[in-house]
Amino acid sequence: MDFETARQVLASQTLPQYETDDTFLGRLRQGKPPVPGQVTTLLLALKVIQDSLKGGSTLNRELAHALFLVAYESRNLFEVSRTSRVEWPPLLDEDLERIAIAAYKIFADAADQASS
């Protein structure tokens, strides 16, 4: 997967203008777990983005928005649905943590480079 493909995957699974009932956030919003392979694909995309942007000092607005949504909104939707007694797959909590860490690493590297 190259950077542009990874960016498109992340955007299509998270940004409101692309949201459908089958996107990552669309499914969580409905109280449905991700489809098989969806989390793996997102984690791969995040890794490719991190590697591609290593040493960069800025993120474009759309990418930053998608990173925020995949890290924050996915956790928020998970927690809200859990309090509504949605039965999530046992590993989804850990998957969301891995996603948040991957997004954080992208932001942290950009912030480290901007302050240098």
N, C-alpha and C. Protein backbone atom coordinates (compact mmCIF):
# COMPACT_ATOMS: atom_id res chain seq x y z
N MET A 1 0.86 -1.17 0.00
CA MET A 1 0.00 0.00 0.00
C MET A 1 0.91 1.23 0.00
N ASP A 2 0.61 2.19 -0.87
CA ASP A 2 1.37 3.43 -0.90
C ASP A 2 0.65 4.51 -0.09
N PHE A 3 1.30 5.66 0.09
CA PHE A 3 0.75 6.72 0.92
C PHE A 3 -0.62 7.17 0.44
N GLU A 4 -0.77 7.41 -0.85
CA GLU A 4 -2.04 7.94 -1.36
C GLU A 4 -3.17 6.93 -1.14
N THR A 5 -2.91 5.66 -1.35
CA THR A 5 -3.92 4.63 -1.10
C THR A 5 -4.27 4.59 0.39
N ALA A 6 -3.26 4.65 1.23
CA ALA A 6 -3.49 4.64 2.69
C ALA A 6 -4.33 5.84 3.12
N ARG A 7 -4.01 7.01 2.58
CA ARG A 7 -4.77 8.22 2.90
C ARG A 7 -6.22 8.08 2.46
N GLN A 8 -6.44 7.52 1.27
CA GLN A 8 -7.79 7.32 0.75
C GLN A 8 -8.57 6.31 1.60
N VAL A 9 -7.91 5.24 2.01
CA VAL A 9 -8.56 4.24 2.87
C VAL A 9 -9.01 4.89 4.17
N LEU A 10 -8.10 5.62 4.80
CA LEU A 10 -8.44 6.27 6.07
C LEU A 10 -9.58 7.26 5.88
N ALA A 11 -9.51 8.09 4.86
CA ALA A 11 -10.56 9.08 4.61
C ALA A 11 -11.90 8.41 4.34
N SER A 12 -11.90 7.39 3.50
CA SER A 12 -13.17 6.74 3.12
C SER A 12 -13.83 6.01 4.29
N GLN A 13 -13.05 5.62 5.29
CA GLN A 13 -13.61 4.90 6.43
C GLN A 13 -14.01 5.81 7.59
N THR A 14 -13.62 7.09 7.52
CA THR A 14 -13.83 7.96 8.68
C THR A 14 -14.52 9.29 8.40
N LEU A 15 -14.23 9.92 7.29
CA LEU A 15 -14.74 11.27 7.06
C LEU A 15 -16.24 11.27 6.77
N PRO A 16 -16.97 12.23 7.32
CA PRO A 16 -18.43 12.26 7.19
C PRO A 16 -18.92 12.24 5.74
N GLN A 17 -18.24 12.90 4.84
CA GLN A 17 -18.71 12.95 3.45
C GLN A 17 -18.66 11.60 2.75
N TYR A 18 -17.93 10.64 3.30
CA TYR A 18 -17.83 9.31 2.71
C TYR A 18 -18.57 8.25 3.53
N GLU A 19 -19.14 8.64 4.65
CA GLU A 19 -19.73 7.66 5.56
C GLU A 19 -20.95 6.98 4.96
N THR A 20 -20.96 5.66 5.08
CA THR A 20 -22.11 4.83 4.71
C THR A 20 -22.34 3.86 5.85
N ASP A 21 -23.33 3.01 5.69
CA ASP A 21 -23.60 2.00 6.71
C ASP A 21 -22.47 0.97 6.83
N ASP A 22 -21.58 0.92 5.84
CA ASP A 22 -20.52 -0.09 5.84
C ASP A 22 -19.14 0.46 6.15
N THR A 23 -18.99 1.77 6.33
CA THR A 23 -17.68 2.30 6.69
C THR A 23 -17.41 2.00 8.15
N PHE A 24 -16.15 2.13 8.54
CA PHE A 24 -15.75 1.84 9.91
C PHE A 24 -16.57 2.64 10.92
N LEU A 25 -16.59 3.95 10.79
CA LEU A 25 -17.36 4.76 11.73
C LEU A 25 -18.86 4.59 11.54
N GLY A 26 -19.30 4.36 10.32
CA GLY A 26 -20.73 4.13 10.07
C GLY A 26 -21.23 2.90 10.81
N ARG A 27 -20.46 1.84 10.79
CA ARG A 27 -20.85 0.62 11.50
C ARG A 27 -20.85 0.84 13.01
N LEU A 28 -19.80 1.50 13.53
CA LEU A 28 -19.77 1.75 14.97
C LEU A 28 -20.93 2.64 15.40
N ARG A 29 -21.27 3.62 14.56
CA ARG A 29 -22.39 4.53 14.86
C ARG A 29 -23.71 3.75 14.99
N GLN A 30 -23.82 2.67 14.26
CA GLN A 30 -25.02 1.82 14.30
C GLN A 30 -24.96 0.77 15.40
N GLY A 31 -23.86 0.72 16.13
CA GLY A 31 -23.70 -0.30 17.15
C GLY A 31 -23.32 -1.65 16.57
N LYS A 32 -22.72 -1.64 15.37
CA LYS A 32 -22.29 -2.87 14.71
C LYS A 32 -20.76 -2.92 14.72
N PRO A 33 -20.21 -4.12 14.87
CA PRO A 33 -18.75 -4.24 14.84
C PRO A 33 -18.22 -4.03 13.42
N PRO A 34 -16.94 -3.70 13.30
CA PRO A 34 -16.33 -3.59 11.97
C PRO A 34 -16.43 -4.92 11.23
N VAL A 35 -16.44 -4.84 9.92
CA VAL A 35 -16.44 -6.07 9.13
C VAL A 35 -15.05 -6.69 9.23
N PRO A 36 -14.93 -8.00 9.04
CA PRO A 36 -13.62 -8.64 9.12
C PRO A 36 -12.63 -7.97 8.17
N GLY A 37 -11.46 -7.69 8.70
CA GLY A 37 -10.40 -7.08 7.92
C GLY A 37 -10.39 -5.56 7.96
N GLN A 38 -11.47 -4.93 8.40
CA GLN A 38 -11.56 -3.48 8.40
C GLN A 38 -10.53 -2.85 9.35
N VAL A 39 -10.40 -3.38 10.55
CA VAL A 39 -9.43 -2.85 11.51
C VAL A 39 -8.01 -3.10 11.01
N THR A 40 -7.75 -4.26 10.49
CA THR A 40 -6.42 -4.59 9.97
C THR A 40 -6.04 -3.63 8.85
N THR A 41 -6.98 -3.35 7.96
CA THR A 41 -6.72 -2.43 6.86
C THR A 41 -6.44 -1.02 7.37
N LEU A 42 -7.20 -0.58 8.37
CA LEU A 42 -6.96 0.74 8.95
C LEU A 42 -5.60 0.81 9.63
N LEU A 43 -5.24 -0.22 10.37
CA LEU A 43 -3.94 -0.24 11.04
C LEU A 43 -2.79 -0.22 10.02
N LEU A 44 -2.95 -0.96 8.93
CA LEU A 44 -1.94 -0.95 7.87
C LEU A 44 -1.85 0.44 7.26
N ALA A 45 -2.99 1.05 6.97
CA ALA A 45 -3.00 2.40 6.39
C ALA A 45 -2.32 3.39 7.33
N LEU A 46 -2.60 3.30 8.61
CA LEU A 46 -1.98 4.20 9.58
C LEU A 46 -0.47 4.00 9.62
N LYS A 47 -0.01 2.77 9.53
CA LYS A 47 1.43 2.49 9.54
C LYS A 47 2.09 3.07 8.29
N VAL A 48 1.45 2.91 7.15
CA VAL A 48 2.00 3.45 5.90
C VAL A 48 2.05 4.98 5.98
N ILE A 49 1.00 5.58 6.50
CA ILE A 49 0.97 7.04 6.65
C ILE A 49 2.08 7.49 7.58
N GLN A 50 2.23 6.81 8.71
CA GLN A 50 3.29 7.17 9.66
C GLN A 50 4.67 7.08 8.99
N ASP A 51 4.93 5.98 8.32
CA ASP A 51 6.23 5.80 7.68
C ASP A 51 6.47 6.84 6.58
N SER A 52 5.42 7.17 5.83
CA SER A 52 5.55 8.12 4.73
C SER A 52 5.78 9.54 5.22
N LEU A 53 5.20 9.87 6.36
CA LEU A 53 5.29 11.24 6.87
C LEU A 53 6.43 11.43 7.87
N LYS A 54 7.15 10.37 8.17
CA LYS A 54 8.24 10.47 9.15
C LYS A 54 9.18 11.60 8.75
N GLY A 55 9.40 12.48 9.71
CA GLY A 55 10.28 13.60 9.45
C GLY A 55 9.57 14.82 8.90
N GLY A 56 8.30 14.69 8.54
CA GLY A 56 7.55 15.84 8.04
C GLY A 56 7.11 16.73 9.19
N SER A 57 6.82 17.97 8.87
CA SER A 57 6.44 18.90 9.95
C SER A 57 4.98 19.32 9.89
N THR A 58 4.26 18.94 8.85
CA THR A 58 2.85 19.34 8.75
C THR A 58 1.99 18.19 8.26
N LEU A 59 0.70 18.29 8.57
CA LEU A 59 -0.31 17.36 8.07
C LEU A 59 -1.37 18.19 7.37
N ASN A 60 -1.90 17.69 6.26
CA ASN A 60 -2.97 18.46 5.64
C ASN A 60 -4.25 18.30 6.47
N ARG A 61 -5.13 19.24 6.32
CA ARG A 61 -6.33 19.33 7.15
C ARG A 61 -7.21 18.08 7.05
N GLU A 62 -7.43 17.56 5.84
CA GLU A 62 -8.28 16.38 5.67
C GLU A 62 -7.67 15.17 6.38
N LEU A 63 -6.38 14.99 6.25
CA LEU A 63 -5.72 13.87 6.92
C LEU A 63 -5.79 14.02 8.43
N ALA A 64 -5.55 15.21 8.94
CA ALA A 64 -5.64 15.45 10.38
C ALA A 64 -7.05 15.17 10.88
N HIS A 65 -8.05 15.57 10.12
CA HIS A 65 -9.44 15.33 10.50
C HIS A 65 -9.72 13.83 10.56
N ALA A 66 -9.28 13.09 9.55
CA ALA A 66 -9.48 11.64 9.52
C ALA A 66 -8.77 10.96 10.69
N LEU A 67 -7.56 11.40 11.00
CA LEU A 67 -6.81 10.82 12.12
C LEU A 67 -7.54 11.07 13.44
N PHE A 68 -8.03 12.28 13.62
CA PHE A 68 -8.77 12.61 14.83
C PHE A 68 -10.01 11.73 14.95
N LEU A 69 -10.76 11.61 13.86
CA LEU A 69 -11.99 10.82 13.90
C LEU A 69 -11.73 9.34 14.17
N VAL A 70 -10.71 8.77 13.53
CA VAL A 70 -10.45 7.35 13.73
C VAL A 70 -10.00 7.08 15.16
N ALA A 71 -9.30 8.02 15.77
CA ALA A 71 -8.82 7.82 17.14
C ALA A 71 -9.87 8.19 18.18
N TYR A 72 -10.48 9.33 18.02
CA TYR A 72 -11.39 9.85 19.05
C TYR A 72 -12.83 9.39 18.85
N GLU A 73 -13.36 9.60 17.66
CA GLU A 73 -14.78 9.29 17.43
C GLU A 73 -15.05 7.79 17.53
N SER A 74 -14.11 6.97 17.07
CA SER A 74 -14.34 5.52 17.17
C SER A 74 -14.43 5.11 18.64
N ARG A 75 -13.56 5.64 19.48
CA ARG A 75 -13.60 5.33 20.92
C ARG A 75 -14.89 5.85 21.54
N ASN A 76 -15.28 7.05 21.17
CA ASN A 76 -16.50 7.65 21.69
C ASN A 76 -17.73 6.81 21.32
N LEU A 77 -17.82 6.42 20.06
CA LEU A 77 -18.95 5.59 19.61
C LEU A 77 -18.96 4.24 20.32
N PHE A 78 -17.80 3.66 20.51
CA PHE A 78 -17.68 2.38 21.23
C PHE A 78 -18.22 2.53 22.65
N GLU A 79 -17.77 3.56 23.36
CA GLU A 79 -18.16 3.75 24.76
C GLU A 79 -19.65 4.06 24.89
N VAL A 80 -20.17 4.91 24.02
CA VAL A 80 -21.60 5.26 24.08
C VAL A 80 -22.45 4.01 23.84
N SER A 81 -22.07 3.22 22.86
CA SER A 81 -22.83 2.00 22.58
C SER A 81 -22.68 0.97 23.69
N ARG A 82 -21.50 0.92 24.29
CA ARG A 82 -21.30 -0.03 25.39
C ARG A 82 -22.20 0.32 26.57
N THR A 83 -22.37 1.61 26.86
CA THR A 83 -23.27 2.00 27.95
C THR A 83 -24.72 1.70 27.60
N SER A 84 -25.01 1.58 26.29
CA SER A 84 -26.35 1.20 25.85
C SER A 84 -26.49 -0.31 25.74
N ARG A 85 -25.51 -1.03 26.27
CA ARG A 85 -25.51 -2.48 26.34
C ARG A 85 -25.30 -3.19 24.99
N VAL A 86 -24.60 -2.53 24.07
CA VAL A 86 -24.22 -3.20 22.83
C VAL A 86 -23.13 -4.21 23.16
N GLU A 87 -23.25 -5.41 22.63
CA GLU A 87 -22.25 -6.46 22.83
C GLU A 87 -21.20 -6.35 21.73
N TRP A 88 -20.05 -5.82 22.08
CA TRP A 88 -18.96 -5.67 21.12
C TRP A 88 -18.09 -6.92 21.12
N PRO A 89 -17.42 -7.19 19.99
CA PRO A 89 -16.46 -8.31 19.98
C PRO A 89 -15.39 -8.09 21.06
N PRO A 90 -14.91 -9.14 21.66
CA PRO A 90 -13.97 -9.01 22.78
C PRO A 90 -12.70 -8.22 22.47
N LEU A 91 -12.19 -8.28 21.26
CA LEU A 91 -10.93 -7.62 20.94
C LEU A 91 -11.10 -6.20 20.40
N LEU A 92 -12.32 -5.74 20.20
CA LEU A 92 -12.52 -4.42 19.61
C LEU A 92 -11.95 -3.31 20.49
N ASP A 93 -12.08 -3.43 21.79
CA ASP A 93 -11.53 -2.43 22.71
C ASP A 93 -10.02 -2.30 22.49
N GLU A 94 -9.32 -3.42 22.40
CA GLU A 94 -7.88 -3.40 22.17
C GLU A 94 -7.55 -2.87 20.77
N ASP A 95 -8.36 -3.22 19.79
CA ASP A 95 -8.15 -2.72 18.43
C ASP A 95 -8.25 -1.19 18.39
N LEU A 96 -9.23 -0.65 19.09
CA LEU A 96 -9.39 0.80 19.12
C LEU A 96 -8.21 1.47 19.82
N GLU A 97 -7.67 0.81 20.81
CA GLU A 97 -6.48 1.34 21.48
C GLU A 97 -5.29 1.35 20.52
N ARG A 98 -5.13 0.28 19.75
CA ARG A 98 -4.03 0.22 18.77
C ARG A 98 -4.20 1.31 17.70
N ILE A 99 -5.43 1.55 17.29
CA ILE A 99 -5.71 2.59 16.30
C ILE A 99 -5.35 3.97 16.88
N ALA A 100 -5.75 4.21 18.11
CA ALA A 100 -5.47 5.51 18.74
C ALA A 100 -3.96 5.72 18.90
N ILE A 101 -3.24 4.69 19.26
CA ILE A 101 -1.79 4.79 19.41
C ILE A 101 -1.14 5.08 18.06
N ALA A 102 -1.59 4.41 17.02
CA ALA A 102 -1.04 4.63 15.68
C ALA A 102 -1.29 6.07 15.22
N ALA A 103 -2.50 6.58 15.47
CA ALA A 103 -2.81 7.97 15.09
C ALA A 103 -1.96 8.94 15.91
N TYR A 104 -1.81 8.66 17.19
CA TYR A 104 -0.98 9.51 18.05
C TYR A 104 0.45 9.58 17.54
N LYS A 105 0.99 8.46 17.13
CA LYS A 105 2.38 8.43 16.65
C LYS A 105 2.55 9.34 15.43
N ILE A 106 1.54 9.40 14.58
CA ILE A 106 1.62 10.28 13.41
C ILE A 106 1.64 11.74 13.86
N PHE A 107 0.74 12.10 14.77
CA PHE A 107 0.71 13.47 15.28
C PHE A 107 1.98 13.79 16.05
N ALA A 108 2.46 12.87 16.86
CA ALA A 108 3.63 13.13 17.69
C ALA A 108 4.86 13.37 16.83
N ASP A 109 5.04 12.61 15.77
CA ASP A 109 6.20 12.81 14.91
C ASP A 109 6.11 14.15 14.21
N ALA A 110 4.92 14.53 13.74
CA ALA A 110 4.76 15.84 13.08
C ALA A 110 5.04 16.97 14.08
N ALA A 111 4.58 16.82 15.32
CA ALA A 111 4.80 17.84 16.33
C ALA A 111 6.28 17.93 16.70
N ASP A 112 6.95 16.79 16.80
CA ASP A 112 8.38 16.77 17.11
C ASP A 112 9.18 17.48 16.02
N GLN A 113 8.80 17.24 14.77
CA GLN A 113 9.52 17.86 13.66
C GLN A 113 9.24 19.36 13.58
N ALA A 114 8.02 19.78 13.91
CA ALA A 114 7.68 21.20 13.84
C ALA A 114 8.44 22.00 14.89
N SER A 115 8.72 21.39 16.03
CA SER A 115 9.40 22.11 17.11
C SER A 115 10.93 22.09 16.93
N SER A 116 11.40 21.28 16.02
CA SER A 116 12.87 21.19 15.80
C SER A 116 13.38 22.37 15.02
